[in-house]
């Protein structure tokens, strides 16, 4: 009986290791190489006079007053025949001002709006700021 108990514990441990290995491999493999990387230029000016800008190929927030914010939205679509996972990042010069959702998924044939908000603190220096936002697209 003692031997049978050890036999079942051994089988249980092997099954647990296999499940853990499969889960690890599927997560590790999914994030190896992006299918593509898209980059958008970002710009805004901290000013005492509000103003807006319109651009279809950049995130241009125009003039933003301290203690105020500005919102821009980007639409992303999935033209692949499988779900995609998108990781969003920005260049360091934007990190104190720009907020966004850092990752999300899109099903095949669907699109999703992604919001970017520039928040200007009270003590921010009046200047023109530029940087980039990057979308790394992975098979999911």
Protein backbone atom coordinates (compact mmCIF):
# COMPACT_ATOMS: atom_id res chain seq x y z
CA UNK A 1 0.00 0.00 0.00
CA UNK A 2 2.83 2.40 0.81
CA UNK A 3 4.26 1.77 -2.65
CA UNK A 4 0.92 2.44 -4.42
CA UNK A 5 0.55 5.76 -2.62
CA UNK A 6 4.00 6.90 -3.81
CA UNK A 7 3.17 5.75 -7.32
CA UNK A 8 0.09 8.01 -7.49
CA UNK A 9 1.96 10.96 -5.98
CA UNK A 10 4.66 10.51 -8.63
CA UNK A 11 2.07 10.46 -11.46
CA UNK A 12 0.33 13.52 -10.01
CA UNK A 13 3.65 15.44 -9.89
CA UNK A 14 4.46 14.49 -13.50
CA UNK A 15 1.03 15.74 -14.66
CA UNK A 16 1.50 19.01 -12.74
CA UNK A 17 4.93 19.51 -14.31
CA UNK A 18 3.54 18.87 -17.79
CA UNK A 19 0.70 21.37 -17.30
CA UNK A 20 3.11 23.99 -15.94
CA UNK A 21 5.52 23.40 -18.83
CA UNK A 22 2.78 23.75 -21.45
CA UNK A 23 1.47 26.97 -19.85
CA UNK A 24 4.99 28.42 -19.65
CA UNK A 25 5.83 27.51 -23.25
CA UNK A 26 2.61 28.99 -24.64
CA UNK A 27 3.19 32.29 -22.78
CA UNK A 28 6.90 32.44 -23.60
CA UNK A 29 6.44 31.52 -27.25
CA UNK A 30 3.62 34.04 -27.79
CA UNK A 31 5.81 37.04 -26.89
CA UNK A 32 8.98 36.18 -28.78
CA UNK A 33 8.87 38.20 -32.01
CA UNK A 34 6.29 40.85 -32.86
CA UNK A 35 4.37 40.45 -36.08
CA UNK A 36 4.86 44.17 -36.65
CA UNK A 37 5.72 47.39 -34.85
CA UNK A 38 3.89 50.65 -35.54
CA UNK A 39 5.12 54.02 -34.34
CA UNK A 40 3.28 57.32 -33.95
CA UNK A 41 4.88 60.70 -33.34
CA UNK A 42 3.51 62.56 -30.31
CA UNK A 43 3.68 66.30 -29.71
CA UNK A 44 2.15 68.94 -27.43
CA UNK A 45 3.03 72.38 -26.17
CA UNK A 46 2.57 73.51 -22.59
CA UNK A 47 1.29 77.05 -22.92
CA UNK A 48 -0.89 79.66 -21.21
CA UNK A 49 -3.09 79.76 -24.33
CA UNK A 50 -5.15 76.67 -25.20
CA UNK A 51 -5.13 75.45 -28.77
CA UNK A 52 -5.82 72.30 -30.70
CA UNK A 53 -4.26 70.52 -33.63
CA UNK A 54 -5.62 67.91 -36.01
CA UNK A 55 -3.47 65.21 -37.53
CA UNK A 56 -4.34 61.83 -39.00
CA UNK A 57 -0.83 60.35 -38.79
CA UNK A 58 0.35 61.58 -35.36
CA UNK A 59 -0.84 62.19 -31.82
CA UNK A 60 -0.77 65.98 -31.81
CA UNK A 61 -2.36 67.43 -28.67
CA UNK A 62 -1.83 71.11 -29.56
CA UNK A 63 -1.43 73.64 -26.74
CA UNK A 64 -2.31 72.41 -23.25
CA UNK A 65 -2.58 74.62 -20.16
CA UNK A 66 -1.01 73.52 -16.84
CA UNK A 67 -3.44 71.59 -14.61
CA UNK A 68 -5.44 70.59 -17.70
CA UNK A 69 -5.48 67.51 -19.92
CA UNK A 70 -6.09 66.65 -23.56
CA UNK A 71 -7.38 63.39 -25.02
CA UNK A 72 -6.70 61.77 -28.40
CA UNK A 73 -7.94 58.41 -29.66
CA UNK A 74 -6.36 56.00 -32.11
CA UNK A 75 -8.35 53.24 -33.79
CA UNK A 76 -6.52 49.94 -34.28
CA UNK A 77 -7.88 47.07 -36.32
CA UNK A 78 -6.87 43.44 -36.59
CA UNK A 79 -6.57 42.32 -40.21
CA UNK A 80 -4.93 39.01 -39.24
CA UNK A 81 -6.90 35.75 -39.15
CA UNK A 82 -6.00 35.23 -35.48
CA UNK A 83 -6.26 37.33 -32.30
CA UNK A 84 -3.47 39.80 -31.62
CA UNK A 85 -1.95 41.11 -28.40
CA UNK A 86 -0.75 44.73 -28.50
CA UNK A 87 1.89 46.17 -26.16
CA UNK A 88 1.99 49.97 -26.06
CA UNK A 89 5.01 51.97 -24.89
CA UNK A 90 6.22 55.55 -25.08
CA UNK A 91 9.59 57.25 -25.16
CA UNK A 92 10.93 58.43 -21.77
CA UNK A 93 10.33 62.16 -22.39
CA UNK A 94 6.56 61.52 -22.44
CA UNK A 95 6.28 59.30 -19.35
CA UNK A 96 5.52 62.17 -16.93
CA UNK A 97 2.65 63.44 -19.10
CA UNK A 98 1.11 60.67 -21.20
CA UNK A 99 -1.24 57.96 -19.92
CA UNK A 100 -2.62 55.01 -21.88
CA UNK A 101 -3.56 51.35 -21.59
CA UNK A 102 -0.25 49.44 -21.84
CA UNK A 103 -1.65 46.24 -23.38
CA UNK A 104 -4.82 44.83 -24.90
CA UNK A 105 -6.12 42.16 -27.28
CA UNK A 106 -8.05 42.49 -30.55
CA UNK A 107 -10.00 39.64 -32.16
CA UNK A 108 -9.70 38.94 -35.91
CA UNK A 109 -11.63 41.41 -38.05
CA UNK A 110 -12.36 43.69 -35.08
CA UNK A 111 -11.13 47.15 -34.18
CA UNK A 112 -10.49 48.93 -30.93
CA UNK A 113 -10.17 52.55 -29.86
CA UNK A 114 -7.11 53.33 -27.76
CA UNK A 115 -7.17 56.53 -25.68
CA UNK A 116 -4.11 58.67 -24.95
CA UNK A 117 -4.32 61.47 -22.41
CA UNK A 118 -1.78 64.23 -21.78
CA UNK A 119 -2.00 65.47 -18.18
CA UNK A 120 -0.09 68.67 -17.46
CA UNK A 121 0.94 69.27 -13.82
CA UNK A 122 0.75 72.76 -12.29
CA UNK A 123 4.53 73.22 -12.14
CA UNK A 124 5.31 72.03 -15.70
CA UNK A 125 7.67 74.18 -17.75
CA UNK A 126 6.22 75.97 -20.76
CA UNK A 127 7.82 74.22 -23.73
CA UNK A 128 7.16 72.09 -26.79
CA UNK A 129 7.40 68.34 -26.09
CA UNK A 130 7.82 65.54 -28.61
CA UNK A 131 8.25 61.80 -28.44
CA UNK A 132 6.92 58.56 -29.85
CA UNK A 133 4.37 55.90 -29.00
CA UNK A 134 5.08 52.35 -30.15
CA UNK A 135 2.59 49.54 -30.75
CA UNK A 136 4.18 46.08 -30.75
CA UNK A 137 1.75 43.56 -32.25
CA UNK A 138 2.04 39.88 -31.34
CA UNK A 139 0.15 36.77 -32.36
CA UNK A 140 -2.11 35.71 -29.52
